[in-house]
Amino acid sequence: MPQITRDARDRYAASKRVEDRGGFAAEVRRQGMTPRSETTVRREVPPARVAELLGIDPDAEVLVRDRDMYADDVLVQKAPSFIPGDIAFGTQLEDLTQPPGGMLTRMKELGYEEVEADEYLTLSRPPTGEEQQYFDIQDDQPVFEMYHVAYDANGRAVEVSWHRGPVHLWGEFIYRVKIKQD
């Protein structure tokens, strides 16, 4: 299986996602593989790090869209998204279906268009026991971990996605950083 490249320079562009259910599917398909996602939806109190990144009370419930993401039927990452309840509860985000454009399209329709994001990437760390089981890897096979924090035009954190996957399945993480601010 070829390694996956995650290219943040354009993975969020609507033109790249329009034919698929989201950035991951479009990106995997462009790399010649077949994407698949299995999604479950639930309400729960998020991990402490997620609550902190969302800027919410540590005991507040959020909507979790838990996604297992596959390339050519190989589980390549787990990527649950955590969305504050006041944004997501009672909306289509609680539905298991995901129309074209993915969650970014739904968030925009709800009035919370994601306009920028911070990503906290750990390129390599030991897997937890749970991750060893998920990915069928040994304790000496590292995983990457990334917290993707999306903000709306008002600067509010409206989503945190917690990506994890086996390092050996991922090639590059590409970003473009704006150096000169207007």
C-alpha atoms as a PDB file:
ATOM      1  CA  MET A   1       0.000   0.000   0.000  1.00  0.00           C
ATOM      2  CA  PRO A   2       1.387   3.428  -0.890  1.00  0.00           C
ATOM      3  CA  GLN A   3       1.886   5.907   1.922  1.00  0.00           C
ATOM      4  CA  ILE A   4      -0.775   8.606   2.229  1.00  0.00           C
ATOM      5  CA  THR A   5       0.087  12.278   1.857  1.00  0.00           C
ATOM      6  CA  ARG A   6      -2.067  14.694   3.834  1.00  0.00           C
ATOM      7  CA  ASP A   7      -1.876  17.983   1.939  1.00  0.00           C
ATOM      8  CA  ALA A   8      -3.424  20.767   4.010  1.00  0.00           C
ATOM      9  CA  ARG A   9      -2.667  23.350   1.305  1.00  0.00           C
ATOM     10  CA  ASP A  10      -5.865  22.482  -0.520  1.00  0.00           C
ATOM     11  CA  ARG A  11      -7.653  19.606   1.226  1.00  0.00           C
ATOM     12  CA  TYR A  12     -10.290  22.004   2.597  1.00  0.00           C
ATOM     13  CA  ALA A  13     -11.085  23.707  -0.718  1.00  0.00           C
ATOM     14  CA  ALA A  14     -14.721  23.160  -1.697  1.00  0.00           C
ATOM     15  CA  SER A  15     -13.648  22.469  -5.283  1.00  0.00           C
ATOM     16  CA  LYS A  16     -11.549  19.512  -4.060  1.00  0.00           C
ATOM     17  CA  ARG A  17     -14.286  18.111  -1.787  1.00  0.00           C
ATOM     18  CA  VAL A  18     -17.389  18.634  -3.929  1.00  0.00           C
ATOM     19  CA  GLU A  19     -17.264  15.203  -5.577  1.00  0.00           C
ATOM     20  CA  ASP A  20     -16.665  13.402  -2.277  1.00  0.00           C
ATOM     21  CA  ARG A  21     -17.939  13.324   1.280  1.00  0.00           C
ATOM     22  CA  GLY A  22     -15.013  15.352   2.610  1.00  0.00           C
ATOM     23  CA  GLY A  23     -11.320  16.184   2.469  1.00  0.00           C
ATOM     24  CA  PHE A  24     -10.037  12.724   3.416  1.00  0.00           C
ATOM     25  CA  ALA A  25     -12.063  10.923   0.741  1.00  0.00           C
ATOM     26  CA  ALA A  26     -11.052  13.366  -1.994  1.00  0.00           C
ATOM     27  CA  GLU A  27      -7.398  13.228  -0.968  1.00  0.00           C
ATOM     28  CA  VAL A  28      -7.229   9.414  -0.825  1.00  0.00           C
ATOM     29  CA  ARG A  29      -9.024   9.112  -4.175  1.00  0.00           C
ATOM     30  CA  ARG A  30      -6.578  11.588  -5.798  1.00  0.00           C
ATOM     31  CA  GLN A  31      -3.759   9.303  -4.623  1.00  0.00           C
ATOM     32  CA  GLY A  32      -5.264   6.332  -6.475  1.00  0.00           C
ATOM     33  CA  MET A  33      -6.831   4.543  -3.516  1.00  0.00           C
ATOM     34  CA  THR A  34     -10.434   3.867  -2.579  1.00  0.00           C
ATOM     35  CA  PRO A  35     -11.612   5.749   0.535  1.00  0.00           C
ATOM     36  CA  ARG A  36     -14.175   4.499   2.998  1.00  0.00           C
ATOM     37  CA  SER A  37     -15.346   5.860   6.349  1.00  0.00           C
ATOM     38  CA  GLU A  38     -17.401   4.264   9.068  1.00  0.00           C
ATOM     39  CA  THR A  39     -19.080   6.809  11.309  1.00  0.00           C
ATOM     40  CA  THR A  40     -20.845   6.588  14.634  1.00  0.00           C
ATOM     41  CA  VAL A  41     -22.426   9.539  16.402  1.00  0.00           C
ATOM     42  CA  ARG A  42     -22.899  10.052  20.118  1.00  0.00           C
ATOM     43  CA  ARG A  43     -23.020  12.674  22.843  1.00  0.00           C
ATOM     44  CA  GLU A  44     -20.394  12.572  25.581  1.00  0.00           C
ATOM     45  CA  VAL A  45     -18.059  14.600  27.752  1.00  0.00           C
ATOM     46  CA  PRO A  46     -14.860  14.955  25.681  1.00  0.00           C
ATOM     47  CA  PRO A  47     -11.303  14.225  26.818  1.00  0.00           C
ATOM     48  CA  ALA A  48      -9.807  17.080  28.862  1.00  0.00           C
ATOM     49  CA  ARG A  49      -7.467  18.194  26.040  1.00  0.00           C
ATOM     50  CA  VAL A  50     -10.392  18.480  23.618  1.00  0.00           C
ATOM     51  CA  ALA A  51     -12.502  20.482  26.092  1.00  0.00           C
ATOM     52  CA  GLU A  52      -9.560  22.828  26.623  1.00  0.00           C
ATOM     53  CA  LEU A  53      -9.028  23.306  22.880  1.00  0.00           C
ATOM     54  CA  LEU A  54     -12.762  23.974  22.384  1.00  0.00           C
ATOM     55  CA  GLY A  55     -12.732  26.438  25.282  1.00  0.00           C
ATOM     56  CA  ILE A  56     -15.685  24.731  26.983  1.00  0.00           C
ATOM     57  CA  ASP A  57     -16.435  23.556  30.501  1.00  0.00           C
ATOM     58  CA  PRO A  58     -14.651  20.222  31.114  1.00  0.00           C
ATOM     59  CA  ASP A  59     -17.996  18.607  32.067  1.00  0.00           C
ATOM     60  CA  ALA A  60     -19.962  19.884  29.054  1.00  0.00           C
ATOM     61  CA  GLU A  61     -21.318  17.313  26.620  1.00  0.00           C
ATOM     62  CA  VAL A  62     -20.370  17.591  22.955  1.00  0.00           C
ATOM     63  CA  LEU A  63     -21.396  15.783  19.819  1.00  0.00           C
ATOM     64  CA  VAL A  64     -18.822  13.216  18.720  1.00  0.00           C
ATOM     65  CA  ARG A  65     -18.710  12.103  15.098  1.00  0.00           C
ATOM     66  CA  ASP A  66     -16.369   9.132  15.473  1.00  0.00           C
ATOM     67  CA  ARG A  67     -14.837   8.211  12.116  1.00  0.00           C
ATOM     68  CA  ASP A  68     -12.787   5.165  11.195  1.00  0.00           C
ATOM     69  CA  MET A  69     -11.123   6.027   7.898  1.00  0.00           C
ATOM     70  CA  TYR A  70      -9.900   3.481   5.392  1.00  0.00           C
ATOM     71  CA  ALA A  71      -7.790   3.535   2.234  1.00  0.00           C
ATOM     72  CA  ASP A  72      -8.180   0.392   0.127  1.00  0.00           C
ATOM     73  CA  ASP A  73      -9.939  -1.295   3.093  1.00  0.00           C
ATOM     74  CA  VAL A  74      -7.006  -0.671   5.460  1.00  0.00           C
ATOM     75  CA  LEU A  75      -7.803   1.337   8.603  1.00  0.00           C
ATOM     76  CA  VAL A  76      -5.389   4.263   8.250  1.00  0.00           C
ATOM     77  CA  GLN A  77      -6.736   6.625  10.883  1.00  0.00           C
ATOM     78  CA  LYS A  78      -9.282   7.182  13.605  1.00  0.00           C
ATOM     79  CA  ALA A  79     -10.540  10.741  13.529  1.00  0.00           C
ATOM     80  CA  PRO A  80     -13.334  11.599  15.937  1.00  0.00           C
ATOM     81  CA  SER A  81     -14.658  15.151  15.617  1.00  0.00           C
ATOM     82  CA  PHE A  82     -15.939  16.917  18.713  1.00  0.00           C
ATOM     83  CA  ILE A  83     -18.472  19.734  18.211  1.00  0.00           C
ATOM     84  CA  PRO A  84     -19.980  21.874  20.994  1.00  0.00           C
ATOM     85  CA  GLY A  85     -23.546  20.849  21.820  1.00  0.00           C
ATOM     86  CA  ASP A  86     -25.015  24.318  21.259  1.00  0.00           C
ATOM     87  CA  ILE A  87     -23.856  24.053  17.642  1.00  0.00           C
ATOM     88  CA  ALA A  88     -24.552  20.399  16.874  1.00  0.00           C
ATOM     89  CA  PHE A  89     -27.328  18.971  19.042  1.00  0.00           C
ATOM     90  CA  GLY A  90     -30.571  18.549  17.102  1.00  0.00           C
ATOM     91  CA  THR A  91     -28.960  19.199  13.704  1.00  0.00           C
ATOM     92  CA  GLN A  92     -28.047  17.082  10.689  1.00  0.00           C
ATOM     93  CA  LEU A  93     -24.618  16.595  12.300  1.00  0.00           C
ATOM     94  CA  GLU A  94     -26.281  14.015  14.559  1.00  0.00           C
ATOM     95  CA  ASP A  95     -27.407  12.095  11.486  1.00  0.00           C
ATOM     96  CA  LEU A  96     -25.148   9.291  10.252  1.00  0.00           C
ATOM     97  CA  THR A  97     -25.534  10.318   6.625  1.00  0.00           C
ATOM     98  CA  GLN A  98     -22.973  12.692   5.196  1.00  0.00           C
ATOM     99  CA  PRO A  99     -23.897  14.469   1.968  1.00  0.00           C
ATOM    100  CA  PRO A 100     -21.275  15.700  -0.520  1.00  0.00           C
ATOM    101  CA  GLY A 101     -18.876  18.265   0.870  1.00  0.00           C
ATOM    102  CA  GLY A 102     -18.571  16.676   4.295  1.00  0.00           C
ATOM    103  CA  MET A 103     -18.851  18.285   7.670  1.00  0.00           C
ATOM    104  CA  LEU A 104     -17.400  21.620   6.508  1.00  0.00           C
ATOM    105  CA  THR A 105     -20.438  22.078   4.310  1.00  0.00           C
ATOM    106  CA  ARG A 106     -22.798  21.235   7.201  1.00  0.00           C
ATOM    107  CA  MET A 107     -21.021  23.650   9.545  1.00  0.00           C
ATOM    108  CA  LYS A 108     -21.306  26.453   6.985  1.00  0.00           C
ATOM    109  CA  GLU A 109     -25.030  25.751   6.547  1.00  0.00           C
ATOM    110  CA  LEU A 110     -25.451  25.993  10.334  1.00  0.00           C
ATOM    111  CA  GLY A 111     -23.786  29.428  10.392  1.00  0.00           C
ATOM    112  CA  TYR A 112     -20.422  28.227  11.747  1.00  0.00           C
ATOM    113  CA  GLU A 113     -18.261  28.303   8.639  1.00  0.00           C
ATOM    114  CA  GLU A 114     -14.778  27.117   9.493  1.00  0.00           C
ATOM    115  CA  VAL A 115     -12.371  29.798   8.280  1.00  0.00           C
ATOM    116  CA  GLU A 116      -9.054  28.813   9.861  1.00  0.00           C
ATOM    117  CA  ALA A 117      -7.517  26.042  11.897  1.00  0.00           C
ATOM    118  CA  ASP A 118      -4.628  25.238  14.164  1.00  0.00           C
ATOM    119  CA  GLU A 119      -3.109  21.780  13.974  1.00  0.00           C
ATOM    120  CA  TYR A 120      -1.061  20.257  16.758  1.00  0.00           C
ATOM    121  CA  LEU A 121       0.911  17.380  15.241  1.00  0.00           C
ATOM    122  CA  THR A 122       2.954  14.765  17.057  1.00  0.00           C
ATOM    123  CA  LEU A 123       4.695  12.871  14.282  1.00  0.00           C
ATOM    124  CA  SER A 124       5.545   9.801  16.310  1.00  0.00           C
ATOM    125  CA  ARG A 125       4.587   8.428  19.699  1.00  0.00           C
ATOM    126  CA  PRO A 126       4.098   4.935  21.140  1.00  0.00           C
ATOM    127  CA  PRO A 127       0.628   3.514  20.524  1.00  0.00           C
ATOM    128  CA  THR A 128      -1.792   2.898  23.357  1.00  0.00           C
ATOM    129  CA  GLY A 129      -3.056  -0.650  23.856  1.00  0.00           C
ATOM    130  CA  GLU A 130      -6.342   0.389  22.284  1.00  0.00           C
ATOM    131  CA  GLU A 131      -4.529   1.807  19.238  1.00  0.00           C
ATOM    132  CA  GLN A 132      -2.544  -1.411  18.865  1.00  0.00           C
ATOM    133  CA  GLN A 133      -5.835  -3.282  18.628  1.00  0.00           C
ATOM    134  CA  TYR A 134      -7.506  -0.776  16.271  1.00  0.00           C
ATOM    135  CA  PHE A 135      -4.631  -0.699  13.810  1.00  0.00           C
ATOM    136  CA  ASP A 136      -3.350  -4.251  14.367  1.00  0.00           C
ATOM    137  CA  ILE A 137       0.143  -2.988  15.208  1.00  0.00           C
ATOM    138  CA  GLN A 138       2.783  -3.889  17.785  1.00  0.00           C
ATOM    139  CA  ASP A 139       3.839  -1.721  20.727  1.00  0.00           C
ATOM    140  CA  ASP A 140       7.027  -0.716  18.881  1.00  0.00           C
ATOM    141  CA  GLN A 141       5.124   0.624  15.836  1.00  0.00           C
ATOM    142  CA  PRO A 142       4.536   4.361  16.386  1.00  0.00           C
ATOM    143  CA  VAL A 143       1.415   6.359  15.624  1.00  0.00           C
ATOM    144  CA  PHE A 144       0.990  10.001  14.700  1.00  0.00           C
ATOM    145  CA  GLU A 145      -1.449  12.171  16.631  1.00  0.00           C
ATOM    146  CA  MET A 146      -2.939  15.440  15.449  1.00  0.00           C
ATOM    147  CA  TYR A 147      -5.472  17.769  17.021  1.00  0.00           C
ATOM    148  CA  HIS A 148      -7.152  19.866  14.311  1.00  0.00           C
ATOM    149  CA  VAL A 149      -8.896  22.885  15.879  1.00  0.00           C
ATOM    150  CA  ALA A 150     -11.231  24.740  13.493  1.00  0.00           C
ATOM    151  CA  TYR A 151     -12.396  28.312  14.129  1.00  0.00           C
ATOM    152  CA  ASP A 152     -15.275  30.313  12.705  1.00  0.00           C
ATOM    153  CA  ALA A 153     -15.068  33.945  11.540  1.00  0.00           C
ATOM    154  CA  ASN A 154     -15.608  35.137  15.140  1.00  0.00           C
ATOM    155  CA  GLY A 155     -12.579  33.187  16.363  1.00  0.00           C
ATOM    156  CA  ARG A 156     -14.638  30.572  18.180  1.00  0.00           C
ATOM    157  CA  ALA A 157     -13.332  27.004  18.205  1.00  0.00           C
ATOM    158  CA  VAL A 158     -16.239  25.124  16.599  1.00  0.00           C
ATOM    159  CA  GLU A 159     -14.668  21.691  16.075  1.00  0.00           C
ATOM    160  CA  VAL A 160     -11.745  19.622  17.288  1.00  0.00           C
ATOM    161  CA  SER A 161     -10.780  16.529  15.319  1.00  0.00           C
ATOM    162  CA  TRP A 162      -8.371  14.092  16.971  1.00  0.00           C
ATOM    163  CA  HIS A 163      -6.532  12.168  14.243  1.00  0.00           C
ATOM    164  CA  ARG A 164      -4.416   9.093  14.985  1.00  0.00           C
ATOM    165  CA  GLY A 165      -2.880   6.543  12.666  1.00  0.00           C
ATOM    166  CA  PRO A 166       0.096   4.239  12.141  1.00  0.00           C
ATOM    167  CA  VAL A 167       3.140   6.248  11.075  1.00  0.00           C
ATOM    168  CA  HIS A 168       4.214   3.677   8.469  1.00  0.00           C
ATOM    169  CA  LEU A 169       1.009   4.312   6.464  1.00  0.00           C
ATOM    170  CA  TRP A 170       1.558   8.064   6.179  1.00  0.00           C
ATOM    171  CA  GLY A 171       4.215   9.735   4.056  1.00  0.00           C
ATOM    172  CA  GLU A 172       4.008  13.494   4.402  1.00  0.00           C
ATOM    173  CA  PHE A 173       1.973  16.155   6.132  1.00  0.00           C
ATOM    174  CA  ILE A 174       2.153  19.258   3.942  1.00  0.00           C
ATOM    175  CA  TYR A 175       1.235  22.751   5.119  1.00  0.00           C
ATOM    176  CA  ARG A 176       1.521  26.294   3.817  1.00  0.00           C
ATOM    177  CA  VAL A 177       2.185  28.890   6.477  1.00  0.00           C
ATOM    178  CA  LYS A 178       1.477  32.567   5.883  1.00  0.00           C
ATOM    179  CA  ILE A 179       4.591  34.413   6.977  1.00  0.00           C
ATOM    180  CA  LYS A 180       3.694  38.004   6.168  1.00  0.00           C
ATOM    181  CA  GLN A 181       0.487  39.112   7.806  1.00  0.00           C
ATOM    182  CA  ASP A 182      -1.568  41.863   6.121  1.00  0.00           C
END
